[in-house]
Amino acid sequence: MKKIQELFDLSGKVAIVTGAAMGIGKGIALRLAEAGASVIVADINIEAAKKTTEELKAAGYKAKEVQANASKVEDAEKTAQTAVDVFGDLHILVNNAGIFPFAPALEMSESTWDKTIAINLKGTMFFAQAAARMMCSKGHGGKIVNIASVDGFHPTGNLIAYDASKGGVIMLTKALAKDLSPRGINVNAIAPGAIVTPGASAGLSGMSQKEIEAVTKMFISQIPVGHQGEPDDVAKAVLFLASAAADYITGSILVVDGGYLVG
């Protein structure tokens, strides 16, 4: 039986984190690197990805930035290949990249719908496929962790494309687990609630300060623990699912929402 320190030790493991330049993705990259993993910082914003990589390296960790558009299958394949080219293997994938455009159902445009589904759902599928193929080619299993959302269970409102995509990620996670677990690849998802990130703040940029305060107060009033989460709250859950402590867990959705869904 492994000791606690061994269960969460990712030394020798190689991980890809998409959307890792900032916010939740950056928090995940930091925790995986702290646990010993070499991390591919994949993001469409290459300058921000380089900055995160530099921070990781300055802390003594192994990291490499890769510019990747989550909606592009060729970028998924490129990122998986880069992990092997740079660090020699691939053991962990965290599908974190995503967008959440606010739009009421009656104002939803086809282009916004298509872009959201392409990044959030299609991207999750094909990064998982590319990573799983690489893991299989290396002759070992691995861990895939998808970042879903509580919106996949309970719509917030005016996020119809996002909600549909995250509901899809939840079922995709279960389907991938059924297909890939016999190959030694565990597939799970995390459904975060309200997390304070630059992306979340940007989503409220069109509102006045008074409106932002009202929306924030409304969200917090629905969270039993009484406050919003931080990226590290999600990152710690990812570390668990990516570690040996979760070897017998697959096809599960871990909700990290401060109790929001229980009301």
Protein backbone atom coordinates (compact mmCIF):
# COMPACT_ATOMS: atom_id res chain seq x y z
CA MET A 1 0.00 0.00 0.00
CA LYS A 2 1.35 3.40 -0.97
CA LYS A 3 1.97 6.01 1.69
CA ILE A 4 0.12 9.35 1.51
CA GLN A 5 3.18 11.13 0.12
CA GLU A 6 3.50 8.53 -2.64
CA LEU A 7 -0.16 8.73 -3.61
CA PHE A 8 0.12 12.38 -4.56
CA ASP A 9 3.63 12.27 -5.97
CA LEU A 10 3.60 12.97 -9.72
CA SER A 11 7.36 12.82 -10.18
CA GLY A 12 8.20 11.46 -13.62
CA LYS A 13 4.72 12.23 -14.95
CA VAL A 14 4.06 14.55 -17.89
CA ALA A 15 0.89 16.64 -17.97
CA ILE A 16 -0.88 18.85 -20.48
CA VAL A 17 -3.14 21.61 -19.17
CA THR A 18 -5.17 23.53 -21.75
CA GLY A 19 -6.09 27.13 -21.08
CA ALA A 20 -3.21 27.14 -18.62
CA ALA A 21 -1.99 30.68 -19.09
CA MET A 22 -4.20 32.15 -16.37
CA GLY A 23 -7.09 31.59 -14.00
CA ILE A 24 -8.11 28.02 -13.17
CA GLY A 25 -5.73 26.55 -15.75
CA LYS A 26 -2.74 28.33 -14.26
CA GLY A 27 -3.74 27.18 -10.79
CA ILE A 28 -3.92 23.60 -12.05
CA ALA A 29 -0.54 23.84 -13.76
CA LEU A 30 1.03 25.13 -10.54
CA ARG A 31 -0.36 22.30 -8.40
CA LEU A 32 0.60 19.55 -10.85
CA ALA A 33 4.10 20.99 -11.15
CA GLU A 34 4.40 21.25 -7.38
CA ALA A 35 3.51 17.55 -7.17
CA GLY A 36 6.42 16.77 -9.50
CA ALA A 37 4.88 16.67 -12.97
CA SER A 38 6.45 18.25 -16.04
CA VAL A 39 3.77 20.53 -17.46
CA ILE A 40 2.84 21.60 -20.97
CA VAL A 41 1.22 25.02 -20.64
CA ALA A 42 -1.14 25.05 -23.62
CA ASP A 43 -3.03 28.22 -24.45
CA ILE A 44 -4.12 30.25 -27.45
CA ASN A 45 -2.49 33.29 -25.80
CA ILE A 46 1.14 32.35 -26.28
CA GLU A 47 2.57 35.42 -24.53
CA ALA A 48 0.55 34.73 -21.39
CA ALA A 49 1.51 31.04 -21.65
CA LYS A 50 5.19 32.00 -21.79
CA LYS A 51 4.77 34.13 -18.68
CA THR A 52 3.20 31.23 -16.77
CA THR A 53 5.95 28.89 -17.99
CA GLU A 54 8.59 31.34 -16.78
CA GLU A 55 6.94 31.48 -13.36
CA LEU A 56 6.93 27.71 -13.13
CA LYS A 57 10.56 27.44 -14.15
CA ALA A 58 11.56 30.18 -11.70
CA ALA A 59 9.99 28.08 -8.95
CA GLY A 60 12.16 25.14 -9.99
CA TYR A 61 9.53 23.23 -11.97
CA LYS A 62 9.65 21.77 -15.49
CA ALA A 63 7.34 23.44 -18.00
CA LYS A 64 7.00 24.28 -21.67
CA GLU A 65 4.50 26.59 -23.35
CA VAL A 66 2.59 25.59 -26.50
CA GLN A 67 0.25 27.77 -28.52
CA ALA A 68 -2.93 25.80 -29.04
CA ASN A 69 -6.46 26.60 -30.16
CA ALA A 70 -8.74 24.18 -28.30
CA SER A 71 -11.13 23.98 -31.24
CA LYS A 72 -8.46 22.74 -33.67
CA VAL A 73 -7.88 18.98 -33.94
CA GLU A 74 -4.43 19.57 -35.40
CA ASP A 75 -3.50 21.63 -32.34
CA ALA A 76 -4.59 18.78 -30.07
CA GLU A 77 -2.31 16.41 -31.94
CA LYS A 78 0.52 18.96 -31.95
CA THR A 79 0.26 19.50 -28.21
CA ALA A 80 0.33 15.78 -27.41
CA GLN A 81 3.36 15.33 -29.69
CA THR A 82 5.12 18.30 -28.08
CA ALA A 83 4.72 16.71 -24.64
CA VAL A 84 6.54 13.63 -25.91
CA ASP A 85 9.14 15.58 -27.86
CA VAL A 86 10.02 17.82 -24.90
CA PHE A 87 9.49 15.58 -21.87
CA GLY A 88 9.48 12.08 -23.38
CA ASP A 89 5.98 10.90 -22.46
CA LEU A 90 2.40 11.86 -21.60
CA HIS A 91 0.44 10.67 -18.56
CA ILE A 92 -2.08 13.39 -17.67
CA LEU A 93 -4.39 15.67 -19.64
CA VAL A 94 -6.50 18.41 -18.11
CA ASN A 95 -9.07 19.82 -20.53
CA ASN A 96 -9.58 23.26 -19.01
CA ALA A 97 -9.78 25.67 -21.97
CA GLY A 98 -13.22 27.16 -22.42
CA ILE A 99 -15.29 30.26 -23.06
CA PHE A 100 -18.58 31.43 -21.56
CA PRO A 101 -20.24 34.17 -23.64
CA PHE A 102 -23.32 35.74 -22.05
CA ALA A 103 -26.30 35.78 -24.43
CA PRO A 104 -30.05 35.27 -23.89
CA ALA A 105 -31.57 32.45 -25.94
CA LEU A 106 -33.45 34.86 -28.21
CA GLU A 107 -30.24 36.74 -28.99
CA MET A 108 -27.94 33.75 -29.50
CA SER A 109 -26.07 33.96 -32.80
CA GLU A 110 -25.01 30.96 -34.82
CA SER A 111 -21.39 32.09 -34.71
CA THR A 112 -21.37 32.36 -30.90
CA TRP A 113 -23.05 28.97 -30.58
CA ASP A 114 -20.61 27.29 -32.98
CA LYS A 115 -17.52 28.85 -31.35
CA THR A 116 -18.60 27.87 -27.84
CA ILE A 117 -19.39 24.28 -28.78
CA ALA A 118 -16.18 24.02 -30.81
CA ILE A 119 -13.92 25.14 -27.95
CA ASN A 120 -15.73 23.70 -24.95
CA LEU A 121 -17.04 20.39 -26.27
CA LYS A 122 -15.26 19.54 -29.52
CA GLY A 123 -11.96 20.64 -28.00
CA THR A 124 -12.45 18.42 -24.97
CA MET A 125 -13.17 15.44 -27.20
CA PHE A 126 -10.23 15.77 -29.55
CA PHE A 127 -7.62 16.74 -26.97
CA ALA A 128 -8.75 13.65 -25.05
CA GLN A 129 -8.46 11.56 -28.19
CA ALA A 130 -4.97 12.85 -29.02
CA ALA A 131 -3.76 12.34 -25.45
CA ALA A 132 -5.29 8.85 -25.17
CA ARG A 133 -3.75 7.77 -28.45
CA MET A 134 -0.35 8.94 -27.23
CA MET A 135 -0.77 7.17 -23.88
CA CYS A 136 -1.71 3.96 -25.66
CA SER A 137 1.21 4.25 -28.05
CA LYS A 138 3.51 4.55 -25.04
CA GLY A 139 2.09 1.35 -23.61
CA HIS A 140 0.61 2.71 -20.41
CA GLY A 141 -2.57 4.25 -19.08
CA GLY A 142 -3.16 7.74 -17.79
CA LYS A 143 -5.53 10.28 -16.34
CA ILE A 144 -7.82 12.67 -18.20
CA VAL A 145 -9.63 15.35 -16.21
CA ASN A 146 -12.22 17.51 -17.95
CA ILE A 147 -13.36 20.81 -16.50
CA ALA A 148 -17.14 20.90 -16.76
CA SER A 149 -19.35 23.25 -14.70
CA VAL A 150 -22.29 23.30 -12.32
CA ASP A 151 -24.05 24.86 -15.31
CA GLY A 152 -23.99 21.42 -16.86
CA PHE A 153 -26.50 20.47 -14.16
CA HIS A 154 -28.26 23.74 -13.38
CA PRO A 155 -28.48 26.66 -15.86
CA THR A 156 -27.52 30.05 -14.52
CA GLY A 157 -29.37 31.96 -17.22
CA ASN A 158 -28.22 33.79 -20.35
CA LEU A 159 -25.44 31.23 -20.86
CA ILE A 160 -27.28 28.83 -23.13
CA ALA A 161 -24.36 27.83 -25.37
CA TYR A 162 -22.03 27.44 -22.40
CA ASP A 163 -24.60 25.42 -20.46
CA ALA A 164 -25.22 23.11 -23.41
CA SER A 165 -21.49 22.62 -23.96
CA LYS A 166 -20.81 21.79 -20.31
CA GLY A 167 -23.75 19.40 -20.16
CA GLY A 168 -22.10 17.76 -23.16
CA VAL A 169 -18.74 17.62 -21.37
CA ILE A 170 -20.36 15.77 -18.46
CA MET A 171 -21.80 13.06 -20.73
CA LEU A 172 -18.66 13.01 -22.88
CA THR A 173 -16.65 12.31 -19.74
CA LYS A 174 -18.80 9.29 -18.92
CA ALA A 175 -18.67 8.02 -22.50
CA LEU A 176 -14.89 8.41 -22.70
CA ALA A 177 -14.52 6.63 -19.35
CA LYS A 178 -16.50 3.67 -20.67
CA ASP A 179 -14.34 3.45 -23.80
CA LEU A 180 -10.92 4.26 -22.33
CA SER A 181 -10.92 2.78 -18.83
CA PRO A 182 -10.32 -0.76 -20.17
CA ARG A 183 -7.11 0.69 -21.64
CA GLY A 184 -6.01 1.97 -18.25
CA ILE A 185 -7.04 5.57 -18.85
CA ASN A 186 -9.26 7.04 -16.15
CA VAL A 187 -11.52 9.86 -17.31
CA ASN A 188 -13.25 12.13 -14.81
CA ALA A 189 -14.55 15.67 -14.68
CA ILE A 190 -14.75 18.52 -12.21
CA ALA A 191 -17.77 20.80 -12.13
CA PRO A 192 -16.71 24.11 -10.58
CA GLY A 193 -19.17 26.65 -9.28
CA ALA A 194 -18.43 30.37 -8.98
CA ILE A 195 -14.63 30.77 -9.17
CA VAL A 196 -12.90 34.14 -9.09
CA THR A 197 -10.81 34.38 -12.28
CA PRO A 198 -9.76 37.02 -14.83
CA GLY A 199 -12.07 35.30 -17.34
CA ALA A 200 -15.04 35.57 -15.04
CA SER A 201 -14.30 39.23 -14.45
CA ALA A 202 -14.02 39.84 -18.21
CA GLY A 203 -17.43 38.27 -18.67
CA LEU A 204 -18.89 41.04 -16.52
CA SER A 205 -16.96 43.84 -18.23
CA GLY A 206 -20.04 45.24 -19.95
CA MET A 207 -21.77 45.87 -16.63
CA SER A 208 -21.54 48.87 -14.32
CA GLN A 209 -19.84 48.49 -10.95
CA LYS A 210 -23.24 48.55 -9.29
CA GLU A 211 -24.50 45.75 -11.56
CA ILE A 212 -21.37 43.67 -10.94
CA GLU A 213 -21.80 44.04 -7.19
CA ALA A 214 -25.46 43.01 -7.46
CA VAL A 215 -24.64 39.92 -9.54
CA THR A 216 -21.81 38.94 -7.19
CA LYS A 217 -24.05 39.36 -4.14
CA MET A 218 -26.74 37.22 -5.80
CA PHE A 219 -24.27 34.41 -6.54
CA ILE A 220 -22.79 34.44 -3.05
CA SER A 221 -26.25 34.34 -1.49
CA GLN A 222 -26.77 30.97 -3.20
CA ILE A 223 -23.48 29.44 -1.97
CA PRO A 224 -23.82 27.73 1.42
CA VAL A 225 -20.17 28.26 2.38
CA GLY A 226 -20.71 32.00 1.89
CA HIS A 227 -18.04 32.92 -0.63
CA GLN A 228 -16.81 32.28 -4.17
CA GLY A 229 -14.03 29.82 -4.85
CA GLU A 230 -10.45 30.38 -5.95
CA PRO A 231 -8.60 28.65 -8.82
CA ASP A 232 -6.68 26.59 -6.29
CA ASP A 233 -9.93 25.04 -5.04
CA VAL A 234 -10.30 23.45 -8.48
CA ALA A 235 -6.58 22.75 -8.81
CA LYS A 236 -6.52 20.67 -5.62
CA ALA A 237 -9.42 18.58 -6.91
CA VAL A 238 -7.57 18.05 -10.21
CA LEU A 239 -4.47 16.94 -8.32
CA PHE A 240 -6.57 14.32 -6.54
CA LEU A 241 -8.09 12.95 -9.76
CA ALA A 242 -4.71 12.97 -11.53
CA SER A 243 -3.01 11.11 -8.69
CA ALA A 244 -2.80 7.47 -7.64
CA ALA A 245 -5.32 8.29 -4.91
CA ALA A 246 -8.00 8.22 -7.63
CA ASP A 247 -6.92 5.05 -9.43
CA TYR A 248 -10.30 3.37 -8.87
CA ILE A 249 -12.35 6.41 -9.90
CA THR A 250 -13.51 6.86 -13.49
CA GLY A 251 -16.57 8.34 -15.16
CA SER A 252 -17.24 10.51 -12.12
CA ILE A 253 -18.06 14.21 -11.83
CA LEU A 254 -16.58 15.93 -8.78
CA VAL A 255 -18.54 19.07 -7.92
CA VAL A 256 -16.47 21.93 -6.47
CA ASP A 257 -19.02 24.65 -5.82
CA GLY A 258 -19.17 25.49 -2.13
CA GLY A 259 -22.52 23.74 -1.93
CA TYR A 260 -24.24 25.78 -4.66
CA LEU A 261 -26.07 22.81 -6.18
CA VAL A 262 -27.54 21.71 -2.86
CA GLY A 263 -29.03 25.20 -2.43
